[in-house]
Amino acid sequence: MNLPHKSVVVGLIVRDRKVLIDRRLDQGFLGGMWELPGGKVEPGETPEAAVAREIAEELNIQVAVGELLTVVEHPYPQFTLTLRCYRCDYRAGTPETRASQEIRWVCPKELTDFPFPPATVELFARIGNFLAGLKQSCP
């Protein structure tokens, strides 16, 4: 059986060496878990443009989309996922919970304190060296 495929982009938003995470609404797939902000790439849209658009729509902030940090291919029971993670620098705006129930700025060492979906846990493992660089000066 061929499972549907989803292409999703997320931003690792960095400000003052902290990372922005948000908590999904309780209803729906992976409800209540924490995530990096982002979403689906629309037809004809570049992944980089999708990251900036999704973050603006979901959080009402502007970011500068930087380098592609990693790509994770992950199978879920209902679909397969391609997850692209871009480094994003916070530029302007005050984060709002438009599509989530909570937002936090956390030190990278605190990421393990929150329940994340399996694909995001794999993503963190792949960018461990990058996160380790942020940890050095995070309180």
Protein backbone atom coordinates (compact mmCIF):
# COMPACT_ATOMS: atom_id res chain seq x y z
CA MET A 1 0.00 0.00 0.00
CA ASN A 2 1.36 3.40 -0.96
CA LEU A 3 0.96 5.95 1.79
CA PRO A 4 0.29 9.62 1.04
CA HIS A 5 3.36 11.84 1.18
CA LYS A 6 3.61 15.24 2.88
CA SER A 7 6.35 17.80 2.36
CA VAL A 8 6.73 20.07 5.39
CA VAL A 9 9.16 22.86 6.22
CA VAL A 10 10.04 24.17 9.67
CA GLY A 11 12.14 27.01 10.95
CA LEU A 12 14.66 26.77 13.74
CA ILE A 13 14.14 30.37 14.84
CA VAL A 14 17.06 31.70 16.84
CA ARG A 15 17.07 34.82 18.99
CA ASP A 16 19.64 35.51 21.72
CA ARG A 17 20.85 31.90 21.29
CA LYS A 18 17.40 30.58 22.21
CA VAL A 19 15.05 28.60 19.96
CA LEU A 20 11.34 29.28 19.48
CA ILE A 21 9.04 26.29 19.91
CA ASP A 22 5.26 26.11 19.93
CA ARG A 23 2.76 23.61 21.29
CA ARG A 24 0.23 22.14 18.89
CA LEU A 25 -3.48 22.41 19.63
CA ASP A 26 -4.77 19.39 21.55
CA GLN A 27 -7.05 18.18 18.77
CA GLY A 28 -5.73 16.50 15.63
CA PHE A 29 -2.72 14.42 14.72
CA LEU A 30 0.10 14.77 17.29
CA GLY A 31 -2.13 17.09 19.33
CA GLY A 32 -0.53 18.74 22.35
CA MET A 33 3.03 17.98 21.27
CA TRP A 34 5.67 20.66 20.80
CA GLU A 35 7.08 21.53 17.40
CA LEU A 36 9.18 23.94 15.42
CA PRO A 37 6.95 26.39 13.55
CA GLY A 38 6.26 25.73 9.90
CA GLY A 39 3.88 23.87 7.64
CA LYS A 40 3.14 22.54 4.19
CA VAL A 41 4.75 23.80 1.01
CA GLU A 42 2.08 25.08 -1.39
CA PRO A 43 2.22 24.13 -5.09
CA GLY A 44 4.65 26.40 -6.93
CA GLU A 45 6.17 27.70 -3.69
CA THR A 46 9.83 27.30 -2.74
CA PRO A 47 10.55 25.68 0.62
CA GLU A 48 12.25 28.88 1.80
CA ALA A 49 9.21 31.00 0.89
CA ALA A 50 6.94 28.47 2.62
CA VAL A 51 8.92 28.73 5.88
CA ALA A 52 8.65 32.53 5.93
CA ARG A 53 4.94 32.46 5.00
CA GLU A 54 3.98 29.78 7.53
CA ILE A 55 5.84 31.51 10.37
CA ALA A 56 4.20 34.85 9.51
CA GLU A 57 0.75 33.22 9.34
CA GLU A 58 1.09 31.09 12.47
CA LEU A 59 3.07 33.39 14.76
CA ASN A 60 2.77 36.90 13.26
CA ILE A 61 6.54 37.38 13.22
CA GLN A 62 9.04 37.99 10.45
CA VAL A 63 12.18 35.93 10.03
CA ALA A 64 15.15 35.84 7.68
CA VAL A 65 15.31 32.32 6.26
CA GLY A 66 18.86 31.01 6.21
CA GLU A 67 20.57 27.75 5.44
CA LEU A 68 18.93 24.37 5.12
CA LEU A 69 20.09 22.52 8.24
CA THR A 70 18.79 19.04 7.46
CA VAL A 71 16.16 16.95 5.69
CA VAL A 72 14.42 14.10 7.50
CA GLU A 73 12.38 11.38 5.79
CA HIS A 74 10.06 9.79 8.34
CA PRO A 75 7.25 7.22 8.02
CA TYR A 76 4.13 7.67 10.12
CA PRO A 77 1.34 5.05 10.03
CA GLN A 78 -0.93 7.39 8.01
CA PHE A 79 1.64 9.00 5.65
CA THR A 80 5.30 9.50 4.89
CA LEU A 81 6.91 12.83 5.68
CA THR A 82 9.75 14.86 4.22
CA LEU A 83 10.71 17.44 6.83
CA ARG A 84 13.08 20.25 5.85
CA CYS A 85 14.54 22.41 8.62
CA TYR A 86 15.91 25.89 7.91
CA ARG A 87 17.81 28.14 10.26
CA CYS A 88 15.80 31.34 10.69
CA ASP A 89 16.83 34.56 12.39
CA TYR A 90 14.10 36.45 14.22
CA ARG A 91 13.59 39.90 12.70
CA ALA A 92 10.37 41.56 13.94
CA GLY A 93 7.00 41.11 15.60
CA THR A 94 5.72 39.66 18.84
CA PRO A 95 4.94 35.93 18.61
CA GLU A 96 1.22 35.14 18.88
CA THR A 97 -0.53 31.80 19.34
CA ARG A 98 -2.56 31.94 16.13
CA ALA A 99 -2.28 28.22 15.34
CA SER A 100 -0.91 26.83 18.60
CA GLN A 101 -1.71 26.94 22.30
CA GLU A 102 1.65 28.04 23.69
CA ILE A 103 4.95 29.55 22.55
CA ARG A 104 8.30 29.48 24.34
CA TRP A 105 11.86 30.62 23.75
CA VAL A 106 14.10 27.86 25.15
CA CYS A 107 17.78 27.10 25.41
CA PRO A 108 18.75 24.19 23.13
CA LYS A 109 19.66 22.08 26.19
CA GLU A 110 15.99 22.34 27.28
CA LEU A 111 14.59 20.81 24.07
CA THR A 112 14.70 17.32 25.60
CA ASP A 113 12.32 18.52 28.34
CA PHE A 114 9.42 18.75 25.85
CA PRO A 115 7.53 16.03 23.96
CA PHE A 116 8.20 16.42 20.22
CA PRO A 117 6.95 14.23 17.34
CA PRO A 118 9.34 11.44 16.28
CA ALA A 119 10.39 13.21 13.06
CA THR A 120 11.40 16.32 15.03
CA VAL A 121 13.36 14.24 17.55
CA GLU A 122 15.25 12.75 14.60
CA LEU A 123 15.79 16.27 13.23
CA PHE A 124 17.31 17.42 16.54
CA ALA A 125 19.67 14.44 16.51
CA ARG A 126 20.87 15.35 13.02
CA ILE A 127 21.56 19.01 13.90
CA GLY A 128 23.14 18.22 17.27
CA ASN A 129 26.40 19.98 16.41
CA PHE A 130 24.56 23.15 15.42
CA LEU A 131 22.51 23.09 18.63
CA ALA A 132 25.64 22.43 20.68
CA GLY A 133 27.09 25.69 19.36
CA LEU A 134 24.05 27.58 20.65
CA LYS A 135 24.17 25.86 24.04
CA GLN A 136 27.59 27.25 24.88
CA SER A 137 26.33 30.70 25.76
CA CYS A 138 22.71 30.03 26.63
CA PRO A 139 22.05 30.48 30.35
